[in-house]
PDB file of N, CA and C in Angstrom:
ATOM      1  N   MET A   1      56.653  40.246  66.041  1.00  0.00           N
ATOM      2  CA  MET A   1      55.230  40.241  66.361  1.00  0.00           C
ATOM      3  C   MET A   1      55.002  40.416  67.865  1.00  0.00           C
ATOM      4  N   ILE A   2      55.850  39.764  68.680  1.00  0.00           N
ATOM      5  CA  ILE A   2      55.699  39.881  70.133  1.00  0.00           C
ATOM      6  C   ILE A   2      55.908  41.326  70.572  1.00  0.00           C
ATOM      7  N   GLU A   3      56.897  41.997  69.971  1.00  0.00           N
ATOM      8  CA  GLU A   3      57.169  43.383  70.342  1.00  0.00           C
ATOM      9  C   GLU A   3      55.964  44.280  70.055  1.00  0.00           C
ATOM     10  N   LEU A   4      55.284  44.014  68.962  1.00  0.00           N
ATOM     11  CA  LEU A   4      54.096  44.792  68.608  1.00  0.00           C
ATOM     12  C   LEU A   4      52.978  44.569  69.628  1.00  0.00           C
ATOM     13  N   LYS A   5      52.791  43.328  70.064  1.00  0.00           N
ATOM     14  CA  LYS A   5      51.772  43.023  71.071  1.00  0.00           C
ATOM     15  C   LYS A   5      52.110  43.702  72.398  1.00  0.00           C
ATOM     16  N   GLU A   6      53.401  43.670  72.776  1.00  0.00           N
ATOM     17  CA  GLU A   6      53.821  44.325  74.017  1.00  0.00           C
ATOM     18  C   GLU A   6      53.581  45.828  73.944  1.00  0.00           C
ATOM     19  N   PHE A   7      53.968  46.436  72.839  1.00  0.00           N
ATOM     20  CA  PHE A   7      53.769  47.866  72.633  1.00  0.00           C
ATOM     21  C   PHE A   7      52.285  48.213  72.700  1.00  0.00           C
ATOM     22  N   SER A   8      51.472  47.400  72.040  1.00  0.00           N
ATOM     23  CA  SER A   8      50.025  47.641  72.021  1.00  0.00           C
ATOM     24  C   SER A   8      49.431  47.563  73.421  1.00  0.00           C
ATOM     25  N   LEU A   9      49.849  46.562  74.186  1.00  0.00           N
ATOM     26  CA  LEU A   9      49.336  46.431  75.556  1.00  0.00           C
ATOM     27  C   LEU A   9      49.718  47.626  76.412  1.00  0.00           C
ATOM     28  N   LYS A  10      50.948  48.094  76.264  1.00  0.00           N
ATOM     29  CA  LYS A  10      51.388  49.265  77.038  1.00  0.00           C
ATOM     30  C   LYS A  10      50.536  50.484  76.692  1.00  0.00           C
ATOM     31  N   LYS A  11      50.264  50.664  75.423  1.00  0.00           N
ATOM     32  CA  LYS A  11      49.426  51.796  75.001  1.00  0.00           C
ATOM     33  C   LYS A  11      47.984  51.624  75.489  1.00  0.00           C
ATOM     34  N   LEU A  12      47.471  50.399  75.406  1.00  0.00           N
ATOM     35  CA  LEU A  12      46.113  50.146  75.905  1.00  0.00           C
ATOM     36  C   LEU A  12      46.019  50.431  77.397  1.00  0.00           C
ATOM     37  N   ASN A  13      47.050  50.050  78.139  1.00  0.00           N
ATOM     38  CA  ASN A  13      47.052  50.315  79.576  1.00  0.00           C
ATOM     39  C   ASN A  13      47.003  51.815  79.859  1.00  0.00           C
ATOM     40  N   ASP A  14      47.658  52.596  79.011  1.00  0.00           N
ATOM     41  CA  ASP A  14      47.663  54.050  79.185  1.00  0.00           C
ATOM     42  C   ASP A  14      46.301  54.683  78.912  1.00  0.00           C
ATOM     43  N   ILE A  15      45.521  54.086  78.018  1.00  0.00           N
ATOM     44  CA  ILE A  15      44.270  54.730  77.590  1.00  0.00           C
ATOM     45  C   ILE A  15      43.001  54.016  78.052  1.00  0.00           C
ATOM     46  N   VAL A  16      43.150  52.865  78.703  1.00  0.00           N
ATOM     47  CA  VAL A  16      41.980  52.027  78.997  1.00  0.00           C
ATOM     48  C   VAL A  16      40.925  52.744  79.838  1.00  0.00           C
ATOM     49  N   ASP A  17      41.334  53.636  80.724  1.00  0.00           N
ATOM     50  CA  ASP A  17      40.350  54.324  81.564  1.00  0.00           C
ATOM     51  C   ASP A  17      39.449  55.259  80.762  1.00  0.00           C
ATOM     52  N   ASP A  18      39.959  55.765  79.664  1.00  0.00           N
ATOM     53  CA  ASP A  18      39.164  56.668  78.826  1.00  0.00           C
ATOM     54  C   ASP A  18      38.474  55.959  77.657  1.00  0.00           C
ATOM     55  N   PHE A  19      39.080  54.882  77.191  1.00  0.00           N
ATOM     56  CA  PHE A  19      38.569  54.198  76.004  1.00  0.00           C
ATOM     57  C   PHE A  19      38.205  52.745  76.282  1.00  0.00           C
ATOM     58  N   TRP A  20      37.743  52.482  77.502  1.00  0.00           N
ATOM     59  CA  TRP A  20      37.429  51.093  77.864  1.00  0.00           C
ATOM     60  C   TRP A  20      36.338  50.467  76.996  1.00  0.00           C
ATOM     61  N   PRO A  21      35.343  51.228  76.504  1.00  0.00           N
ATOM     62  CA  PRO A  21      34.354  50.556  75.640  1.00  0.00           C
ATOM     63  C   PRO A  21      34.997  49.976  74.373  1.00  0.00           C
ATOM     64  N   GLU A  22      35.927  50.738  73.803  1.00  0.00           N
ATOM     65  CA  GLU A  22      36.603  50.265  72.602  1.00  0.00           C
ATOM     66  C   GLU A  22      37.540  49.099  72.925  1.00  0.00           C
ATOM     67  N   VAL A  23      38.270  49.215  74.041  1.00  0.00           N
ATOM     68  CA  VAL A  23      39.203  48.159  74.438  1.00  0.00           C
ATOM     69  C   VAL A  23      38.442  46.882  74.776  1.00  0.00           C
ATOM     70  N   SER A  24      37.248  47.027  75.331  1.00  0.00           N
ATOM     71  CA  SER A  24      36.474  45.844  75.728  1.00  0.00           C
ATOM     72  C   SER A  24      36.122  44.953  74.535  1.00  0.00           C
ATOM     73  N   GLU A  25      36.105  45.531  73.349  1.00  0.00           N
ATOM     74  CA  GLU A  25      35.814  44.736  72.150  1.00  0.00           C
ATOM     75  C   GLU A  25      36.919  43.720  71.852  1.00  0.00           C
ATOM     76  N   ALA A  26      38.100  43.947  72.436  1.00  0.00           N
ATOM     77  CA  ALA A  26      39.230  43.034  72.214  1.00  0.00           C
ATOM     78  C   ALA A  26      39.569  42.241  73.475  1.00  0.00           C
ATOM     79  N   ILE A  27      38.639  42.154  74.416  1.00  0.00           N
ATOM     80  CA  ILE A  27      38.939  41.525  75.706  1.00  0.00           C
ATOM     81  C   ILE A  27      39.365  40.070  75.553  1.00  0.00           C
ATOM     82  N   GLN A  28      38.780  39.344  74.628  1.00  0.00           N
ATOM     83  CA  GLN A  28      39.168  37.933  74.453  1.00  0.00           C
ATOM     84  C   GLN A  28      40.619  37.806  74.000  1.00  0.00           C
ATOM     85  N   LYS A  29      41.060  38.687  73.138  1.00  0.00           N
ATOM     86  CA  LYS A  29      42.457  38.669  72.689  1.00  0.00           C
ATOM     87  C   LYS A  29      43.391  39.008  73.846  1.00  0.00           C
ATOM     88  N   ILE A  30      42.975  39.945  74.688  1.00  0.00           N
ATOM     89  CA  ILE A  30      43.782  40.326  75.850  1.00  0.00           C
ATOM     90  C   ILE A  30      43.861  39.164  76.831  1.00  0.00           C
ATOM     91  N   GLU A  31      42.748  38.487  77.036  1.00  0.00           N
ATOM     92  CA  GLU A  31      42.730  37.322  77.928  1.00  0.00           C
ATOM     93  C   GLU A  31      43.647  36.217  77.409  1.00  0.00           C
ATOM     94  N   ILE A  32      43.661  36.009  76.111  1.00  0.00           N
ATOM     95  CA  ILE A  32      44.531  34.987  75.515  1.00  0.00           C
ATOM     96  C   ILE A  32      46.001  35.330  75.769  1.00  0.00           C
ATOM     97  N   LEU A  33      46.352  36.609  75.660  1.00  0.00           N
ATOM     98  CA  LEU A  33      47.729  37.016  75.949  1.00  0.00           C
ATOM     99  C   LEU A  33      48.080  36.747  77.410  1.00  0.00           C
ATOM    100  N   HIS A  34      47.138  36.972  78.298  1.00  0.00           N
ATOM    101  CA  HIS A  34      47.394  36.697  79.718  1.00  0.00           C
ATOM    102  C   HIS A  34      47.574  35.203  79.976  1.00  0.00           C
ATOM    103  N   GLU A  35      46.788  34.386  79.321  1.00  0.00           N
ATOM    104  CA  GLU A  35      46.850  32.936  79.533  1.00  0.00           C
ATOM    105  C   GLU A  35      48.129  32.321  78.974  1.00  0.00           C
ATOM    106  N   ASP A  36      48.785  33.011  78.052  1.00  0.00           N
ATOM    107  CA  ASP A  36      50.033  32.518  77.454  1.00  0.00           C
ATOM    108  C   ASP A  36      51.206  32.934  78.343  1.00  0.00           C
ATOM    109  N   LYS A  37      51.612  32.034  79.252  1.00  0.00           N
ATOM    110  CA  LYS A  37      52.691  32.358  80.195  1.00  0.00           C
ATOM    111  C   LYS A  37      54.043  32.495  79.497  1.00  0.00           C
ATOM    112  N   GLY A  38      54.119  32.107  78.229  1.00  0.00           N
ATOM    113  CA  GLY A  38      55.329  32.323  77.448  1.00  0.00           C
ATOM    114  C   GLY A  38      55.418  33.741  76.899  1.00  0.00           C
ATOM    115  N   PHE A  39      54.312  34.455  76.933  1.00  0.00           N
ATOM    116  CA  PHE A  39      54.280  35.845  76.477  1.00  0.00           C
ATOM    117  C   PHE A  39      54.886  36.715  77.575  1.00  0.00           C
ATOM    118  N   PRO A  40      55.928  37.497  77.260  1.00  0.00           N
ATOM    119  CA  PRO A  40      56.641  38.251  78.300  1.00  0.00           C
ATOM    120  C   PRO A  40      55.769  39.221  79.110  1.00  0.00           C
ATOM    121  N   GLN A  41      54.737  39.759  78.524  1.00  0.00           N
ATOM    122  CA  GLN A  41      53.907  40.753  79.214  1.00  0.00           C
ATOM    123  C   GLN A  41      52.537  40.188  79.595  1.00  0.00           C
ATOM    124  N   TYR A  42      52.493  38.916  79.971  1.00  0.00           N
ATOM    125  CA  TYR A  42      51.198  38.308  80.322  1.00  0.00           C
ATOM    126  C   TYR A  42      50.578  38.971  81.554  1.00  0.00           C
ATOM    127  N   LYS A  43      51.413  39.486  82.460  1.00  0.00           N
ATOM    128  CA  LYS A  43      50.869  40.191  83.631  1.00  0.00           C
ATOM    129  C   LYS A  43      50.250  41.527  83.228  1.00  0.00           C
ATOM    130  N   LEU A  44      50.859  42.194  82.273  1.00  0.00           N
ATOM    131  CA  LEU A  44      50.293  43.451  81.778  1.00  0.00           C
ATOM    132  C   LEU A  44      48.954  43.196  81.097  1.00  0.00           C
ATOM    133  N   ALA A  45      48.848  42.089  80.386  1.00  0.00           N
ATOM    134  CA  ALA A  45      47.564  41.728  79.770  1.00  0.00           C
ATOM    135  C   ALA A  45      46.504  41.532  80.849  1.00  0.00           C
ATOM    136  N   ALA A  46      46.888  40.914  81.962  1.00  0.00           N
ATOM    137  CA  ALA A  46      45.947  40.726  83.071  1.00  0.00           C
ATOM    138  C   ALA A  46      45.525  42.066  83.656  1.00  0.00           C
ATOM    139  N   LEU A  47      46.461  42.988  83.788  1.00  0.00           N
ATOM    140  CA  LEU A  47      46.133  44.309  84.332  1.00  0.00           C
ATOM    141  C   LEU A  47      45.153  45.044  83.424  1.00  0.00           C
ATOM    142  N   VAL A  48      45.398  45.007  82.137  1.00  0.00           N
ATOM    143  CA  VAL A  48      44.491  45.669  81.186  1.00  0.00           C
ATOM    144  C   VAL A  48      43.111  45.017  81.236  1.00  0.00           C
ATOM    145  N   ALA A  49      43.076  43.694  81.263  1.00  0.00           N
ATOM    146  CA  ALA A  49      41.788  42.987  81.350  1.00  0.00           C
ATOM    147  C   ALA A  49      41.066  43.360  82.638  1.00  0.00           C
ATOM    148  N   SER A  50      41.804  43.450  83.731  1.00  0.00           N
ATOM    149  CA  SER A  50      41.203  43.819  85.014  1.00  0.00           C
ATOM    150  C   SER A  50      40.551  45.195  84.943  1.00  0.00           C
ATOM    151  N   LYS A  51      41.236  46.132  84.332  1.00  0.00           N
ATOM    152  CA  LYS A  51      40.692  47.491  84.214  1.00  0.00           C
ATOM    153  C   LYS A  51      39.451  47.519  83.323  1.00  0.00           C
ATOM    154  N   VAL A  52      39.477  46.740  82.260  1.00  0.00           N
ATOM    155  CA  VAL A  52      38.303  46.676  81.378  1.00  0.00           C
ATOM    156  C   VAL A  52      37.114  46.126  82.149  1.00  0.00           C
ATOM    157  N   TYR A  53      37.314  45.009  82.845  1.00  0.00           N
ATOM    158  CA  TYR A  53      36.215  44.410  83.606  1.00  0.00           C
ATOM    159  C   TYR A  53      35.738  45.339  84.721  1.00  0.00           C
ATOM    160  N   PHE A  54      36.641  46.093  85.309  1.00  0.00           N
ATOM    161  CA  PHE A  54      36.248  47.078  86.319  1.00  0.00           C
ATOM    162  C   PHE A  54      35.272  48.085  85.716  1.00  0.00           C
ATOM    163  N   HIS A  55      35.620  48.620  84.566  1.00  0.00           N
ATOM    164  CA  HIS A  55      34.753  49.612  83.924  1.00  0.00           C
ATOM    165  C   HIS A  55      33.441  49.008  83.440  1.00  0.00           C
ATOM    166  N   LEU A  56      33.460  47.718  83.138  1.00  0.00           N
ATOM    167  CA  LEU A  56      32.225  47.028  82.740  1.00  0.00           C
ATOM    168  C   LEU A  56      31.349  46.693  83.945  1.00  0.00           C
ATOM    169  N   GLY A  57      31.891  46.869  85.145  1.00  0.00           N
ATOM    170  CA  GLY A  57      31.134  46.566  86.360  1.00  0.00           C
ATOM    171  C   GLY A  57      31.209  45.111  86.780  1.00  0.00           C
ATOM    172  N   SER A  58      32.082  44.351  86.165  1.00  0.00           N
ATOM    173  CA  SER A  58      32.259  42.941  86.517  1.00  0.00           C
ATOM    174  C   SER A  58      33.431  42.838  87.495  1.00  0.00           C
ATOM    175  N   PHE A  59      33.126  43.129  88.764  1.00  0.00           N
ATOM    176  CA  PHE A  59      34.187  43.267  89.752  1.00  0.00           C
ATOM    177  C   PHE A  59      34.864  41.950  90.107  1.00  0.00           C
ATOM    178  N   SER A  60      34.148  40.844  90.047  1.00  0.00           N
ATOM    179  CA  SER A  60      34.796  39.564  90.350  1.00  0.00           C
ATOM    180  C   SER A  60      35.812  39.212  89.260  1.00  0.00           C
ATOM    181  N   ASP A  61      35.473  39.450  87.999  1.00  0.00           N
ATOM    182  CA  ASP A  61      36.443  39.231  86.920  1.00  0.00           C
ATOM    183  C   ASP A  61      37.607  40.211  87.039  1.00  0.00           C
ATOM    184  N   SER A  62      37.295  41.437  87.388  1.00  0.00           N
ATOM    185  CA  SER A  62      38.333  42.441  87.557  1.00  0.00           C
ATOM    186  C   SER A  62      39.308  42.030  88.654  1.00  0.00           C
ATOM    187  N   LEU A  63      38.784  41.537  89.762  1.00  0.00           N
ATOM    188  CA  LEU A  63      39.633  41.072  90.860  1.00  0.00           C
ATOM    189  C   LEU A  63      40.492  39.894  90.415  1.00  0.00           C
ATOM    190  N   GLN A  64      39.893  38.954  89.716  1.00  0.00           N
ATOM    191  CA  GLN A  64      40.629  37.771  89.253  1.00  0.00           C
ATOM    192  C   GLN A  64      41.833  38.184  88.401  1.00  0.00           C
ATOM    193  N   TYR A  65      41.625  39.095  87.468  1.00  0.00           N
ATOM    194  CA  TYR A  65      42.721  39.524  86.603  1.00  0.00           C
ATOM    195  C   TYR A  65      43.704  40.429  87.337  1.00  0.00           C
ATOM    196  N   ALA A  66      43.235  41.209  88.294  1.00  0.00           N
ATOM    197  CA  ALA A  66      44.155  42.024  89.096  1.00  0.00           C
ATOM    198  C   ALA A  66      45.125  41.126  89.855  1.00  0.00           C
ATOM    199  N   LEU A  67      44.614  40.024  90.398  1.00  0.00           N
ATOM    200  CA  LEU A  67      45.493  39.071  91.077  1.00  0.00           C
ATOM    201  C   LEU A  67      46.476  38.448  90.087  1.00  0.00           C
ATOM    202  N   GLY A  68      46.027  38.217  88.861  1.00  0.00           N
ATOM    203  CA  GLY A  68      46.901  37.675  87.825  1.00  0.00           C
ATOM    204  C   GLY A  68      47.966  38.654  87.363  1.00  0.00           C
ATOM    205  N   ALA A  69      47.747  39.935  87.614  1.00  0.00           N
ATOM    206  CA  ALA A  69      48.714  40.958  87.217  1.00  0.00           C
ATOM    207  C   ALA A  69      49.908  41.017  88.158  1.00  0.00           C
ATOM    208  N   GLY A  70      49.781  40.373  89.303  1.00  0.00           N
ATOM    209  CA  GLY A  70      50.899  40.338  90.245  1.00  0.00           C
ATOM    210  C   GLY A  70      51.318  41.721  90.694  1.00  0.00           C
ATOM    211  N   ASP A  71      52.622  41.978  90.643  1.00  0.00           N
ATOM    212  CA  ASP A  71      53.159  43.249  91.132  1.00  0.00           C
ATOM    213  C   ASP A  71      52.805  44.442  90.246  1.00  0.00           C
ATOM    214  N   LEU A  72      52.259  44.199  89.070  1.00  0.00           N
ATOM    215  CA  LEU A  72      51.815  45.321  88.234  1.00  0.00           C
ATOM    216  C   LEU A  72      50.560  45.980  88.798  1.00  0.00           C
ATOM    217  N   PHE A  73      49.808  45.226  89.599  1.00  0.00           N
ATOM    218  CA  PHE A  73      48.670  45.822  90.307  1.00  0.00           C
ATOM    219  C   PHE A  73      49.248  46.476  91.555  1.00  0.00           C
ATOM    220  N   ASP A  74      49.404  47.775  91.507  1.00  0.00           N
ATOM    221  CA  ASP A  74      50.076  48.527  92.570  1.00  0.00           C
ATOM    222  C   ASP A  74      49.053  49.034  93.578  1.00  0.00           C
ATOM    223  N   VAL A  75      49.050  48.427  94.753  1.00  0.00           N
ATOM    224  CA  VAL A  75      48.076  48.790  95.783  1.00  0.00           C
ATOM    225  C   VAL A  75      48.312  50.195  96.328  1.00  0.00           C
ATOM    226  N   ARG A  76      49.448  50.789  96.011  1.00  0.00           N
ATOM    227  CA  ARG A  76      49.736  52.151  96.484  1.00  0.00           C
ATOM    228  C   ARG A  76      49.085  53.218  95.615  1.00  0.00           C
ATOM    229  N   ASN A  77      48.585  52.832  94.444  1.00  0.00           N
ATOM    230  CA  ASN A  77      47.900  53.802  93.581  1.00  0.00           C
ATOM    231  C   ASN A  77      46.602  54.243  94.239  1.00  0.00           C
ATOM    232  N   ASP A  78      46.418  55.529  94.315  1.00  0.00           N
ATOM    233  CA  ASP A  78      45.234  56.091  94.967  1.00  0.00           C
ATOM    234  C   ASP A  78      44.162  56.381  93.912  1.00  0.00           C
ATOM    235  N   THR A  79      43.621  55.292  93.334  1.00  0.00           N
ATOM    236  CA  THR A  79      42.593  55.442  92.307  1.00  0.00           C
ATOM    237  C   THR A  79      41.339  54.690  92.742  1.00  0.00           C
ATOM    238  N   VAL A  80      40.231  55.047  92.150  1.00  0.00           N
ATOM    239  CA  VAL A  80      38.973  54.357  92.444  1.00  0.00           C
ATOM    240  C   VAL A  80      39.094  52.884  92.066  1.00  0.00           C
ATOM    241  N   TYR A  81      39.748  52.616  90.956  1.00  0.00           N
ATOM    242  CA  TYR A  81      39.945  51.232  90.506  1.00  0.00           C
ATOM    243  C   TYR A  81      40.659  50.409  91.579  1.00  0.00           C
ATOM    244  N   VAL A  82      41.808  50.875  92.033  1.00  0.00           N
ATOM    245  CA  VAL A  82      42.594  50.129  93.025  1.00  0.00           C
ATOM    246  C   VAL A  82      41.826  50.001  94.334  1.00  0.00           C
ATOM    247  N   LYS A  83      41.226  51.076  94.793  1.00  0.00           N
ATOM    248  CA  LYS A  83      40.466  51.023  96.050  1.00  0.00           C
ATOM    249  C   LYS A  83      39.302  50.041  95.957  1.00  0.00           C
ATOM    250  N   THR A  84      38.629  50.018  94.822  1.00  0.00           N
ATOM    251  CA  THR A  84      37.492  49.106  94.646  1.00  0.00           C
ATOM    252  C   THR A  84      37.949  47.657  94.656  1.00  0.00           C
ATOM    253  N   ILE A  85      39.028  47.363  93.955  1.00  0.00           N
ATOM    254  CA  ILE A  85      39.526  45.986  93.902  1.00  0.00           C
ATOM    255  C   ILE A  85      39.980  45.535  95.287  1.00  0.00           C
ATOM    256  N   ILE A  86      40.665  46.389  96.006  1.00  0.00           N
ATOM    257  CA  ILE A  86      41.093  46.044  97.369  1.00  0.00           C
ATOM    258  C   ILE A  86      39.883  45.799  98.258  1.00  0.00           C
ATOM    259  N   CYS A  87      38.872  46.635  98.131  1.00  0.00           N
ATOM    260  CA  CYS A  87      37.646  46.474  98.920  1.00  0.00           C
ATOM    261  C   CYS A  87      36.959  45.150  98.588  1.00  0.00           C
ATOM    262  N   LYS A  88      36.849  44.830  97.309  1.00  0.00           N
ATOM    263  CA  LYS A  88      36.214  43.565  96.905  1.00  0.00           C
ATOM    264  C   LYS A  88      36.991  42.374  97.453  1.00  0.00           C
ATOM    265  N   TYR A  89      38.312  42.437  97.377  1.00  0.00           N
ATOM    266  CA  TYR A  89      39.140  41.347  97.896  1.00  0.00           C
ATOM    267  C   TYR A  89      38.945  41.212  99.409  1.00  0.00           C
ATOM    268  N   SER A  90      38.933  42.343 100.099  1.00  0.00           N
ATOM    269  CA  SER A  90      38.730  42.327 101.555  1.00  0.00           C
ATOM    270  C   SER A  90      37.370  41.739 101.908  1.00  0.00           C
ATOM    271  N   ASN A  91      36.348  42.122 101.179  1.00  0.00           N
ATOM    272  CA  ASN A  91      35.004  41.597 101.443  1.00  0.00           C
ATOM    273  C   ASN A  91      34.940  40.088 101.258  1.00  0.00           C
ATOM    274  N   ILE A  92      35.601  39.595 100.231  1.00  0.00           N
ATOM    275  CA  ILE A  92      35.623  38.146  99.996  1.00  0.00           C
ATOM    276  C   ILE A  92      36.330  37.437 101.142  1.00  0.00           C
ATOM    277  N   GLN A  93      37.449  37.997 101.587  1.00  0.00           N
ATOM    278  CA  GLN A  93      38.193  37.365 102.680  1.00  0.00           C
ATOM    279  C   GLN A  93      37.391  37.393 103.980  1.00  0.00           C
ATOM    280  N   ILE A  94      36.705  38.484 104.248  1.00  0.00           N
ATOM    281  CA  ILE A  94      35.862  38.572 105.451  1.00  0.00           C
ATOM    282  C   ILE A  94      34.735  37.555 105.370  1.00  0.00           C
ATOM    283  N   PHE A  95      34.117  37.428 104.207  1.00  0.00           N
ATOM    284  CA  PHE A  95      33.038  36.460 104.015  1.00  0.00           C
ATOM    285  C   PHE A  95      33.544  35.043 104.246  1.00  0.00           C
ATOM    286  N   ARG A  96      34.701  34.728 103.683  1.00  0.00           N
ATOM    287  CA  ARG A  96      35.272  33.384 103.871  1.00  0.00           C
ATOM    288  C   ARG A  96      35.576  33.125 105.341  1.00  0.00           C
ATOM    289  N   TYR A  97      36.172  34.094 106.003  1.00  0.00           N
ATOM    290  CA  TYR A  97      36.497  33.949 107.418  1.00  0.00           C
ATOM    291  C   TYR A  97      35.224  33.741 108.238  1.00  0.00           C
ATOM    292  N   SER A  98      34.204  34.520 107.936  1.00  0.00           N
ATOM    293  CA  SER A  98      32.934  34.399 108.660  1.00  0.00           C
ATOM    294  C   SER A  98      32.326  33.018 108.469  1.00  0.00           C
ATOM    295  N   ASN A  99      32.362  32.517 107.253  1.00  0.00           N
ATOM    296  CA  ASN A  99      31.816  31.183 106.987  1.00  0.00           C
ATOM    297  C   ASN A  99      32.578  30.104 107.737  1.00  0.00           C
ATOM    298  N   VAL A 100      33.887  30.235 107.816  1.00  0.00           N
ATOM    299  CA  VAL A 100      34.695  29.261 108.561  1.00  0.00           C
ATOM    300  C   VAL A 100      34.320  29.308 110.035  1.00  0.00           C
ATOM    301  N   GLN A 101      34.156  30.501 110.566  1.00  0.00           N
ATOM    302  CA  GLN A 101      33.810  30.637 111.984  1.00  0.00           C
ATOM    303  C   GLN A 101      32.424  30.062 112.266  1.00  0.00           C
ATOM    304  N   ILE A 102      31.489  30.314 111.385  1.00  0.00           N
ATOM    305  CA  ILE A 102      30.136  29.764 111.556  1.00  0.00           C
ATOM    306  C   ILE A 102      30.186  28.244 111.511  1.00  0.00           C
ATOM    307  N   PHE A 103      30.959  27.690 110.572  1.00  0.00           N
ATOM    308  CA  PHE A 103      31.096  26.240 110.459  1.00  0.00           C
ATOM    309  C   PHE A 103      31.715  25.664 111.731  1.00  0.00           C
ATOM    310  N   ARG A 104      32.760  26.300 112.223  1.00  0.00           N
ATOM    311  CA  ARG A 104      33.411  25.819 113.449  1.00  0.00           C
ATOM    312  C   ARG A 104      32.449  25.887 114.633  1.00  0.00           C
ATOM    313  N   TYR A 105      31.719  26.988 114.728  1.00  0.00           N
ATOM    314  CA  TYR A 105      30.778  27.153 115.837  1.00  0.00           C
ATOM    315  C   TYR A 105      29.686  26.091 115.774  1.00  0.00           C
ATOM    316  N   SER A 106      29.146  25.861 114.578  1.00  0.00           N
ATOM    317  CA  SER A 106      28.064  24.877 114.459  1.00  0.00           C
ATOM    318  C   SER A 106      28.573  23.476 114.774  1.00  0.00           C
ATOM    319  N   ASN A 107      29.797  23.165 114.387  1.00  0.00           N
ATOM    320  CA  ASN A 107      30.361  21.852 114.714  1.00  0.00           C
ATOM    321  C   ASN A 107      30.646  21.716 116.204  1.00  0.00           C
ATOM    322  N   SER A 108      31.133  22.776 116.830  1.00  0.00           N
ATOM    323  CA  SER A 108      31.420  22.688 118.262  1.00  0.00           C
ATOM    324  C   SER A 108      30.130  22.594 119.065  1.00  0.00           C
ATOM    325  N   THR A 109      29.077  23.237 118.586  1.00  0.00           N
ATOM    326  CA  THR A 109      27.782  23.154 119.259  1.00  0.00           C
ATOM    327  C   THR A 109      27.216  21.745 119.137  1.00  0.00           C
ATOM    328  N   LYS A 110      27.353  21.144 117.959  1.00  0.00           N
ATOM    329  CA  LYS A 110      26.879  19.769 117.767  1.00  0.00           C
ATOM    330  C   LYS A 110      27.621  18.817 118.701  1.00  0.00           C
ATOM    331  N   ASN A 111      28.931  18.985 118.780  1.00  0.00           N
ATOM    332  CA  ASN A 111      29.728  18.112 119.650  1.00  0.00           C
ATOM    333  C   ASN A 111      29.383  18.329 121.120  1.00  0.00           C
ATOM    334  N   PHE A 112      29.103  19.553 121.491  1.00  0.00           N
ATOM    335  CA  PHE A 112      28.769  19.870 122.873  1.00  0.00           C
ATOM    336  C   PHE A 112      27.421  19.261 123.263  1.00  0.00           C
ATOM    337  N   LEU A 113      26.470  19.313 122.334  1.00  0.00           N
ATOM    338  CA  LEU A 113      25.127  18.817 122.620  1.00  0.00           C
ATOM    339  C   LEU A 113      25.024  17.301 122.517  1.00  0.00           C
ATOM    340  N   SER A 114      25.996  16.661 121.898  1.00  0.00           N
ATOM    341  CA  SER A 114      25.936  15.197 121.715  1.00  0.00           C
ATOM    342  C   SER A 114      26.280  14.454 122.980  1.00  0.00           C
TER     343      SER A 114
END
């Protein structure tokens, strides 16, 4: 049974860009495979889920699953999917950094004025 699931995921990964509406109907099953760390291809399940969410326009979910895919998410791929996920990740990191800097500045200003 595990071999069949692995085979199916590999095939889904090959066709997800063209048949994402159909694949999206099974997204919960794909997510369950990713959550099962005993399943040998749990990272591949994350990659497929990431691509589905990308096509659905849910970029935060897509990013979350891309990170779960580990080394299967190949940043060297020159695709819109990969570029978008990298951009979203970069934007989040810039936002976090900016918030930390604003917090530090506001605290240093309070201490200076006290």
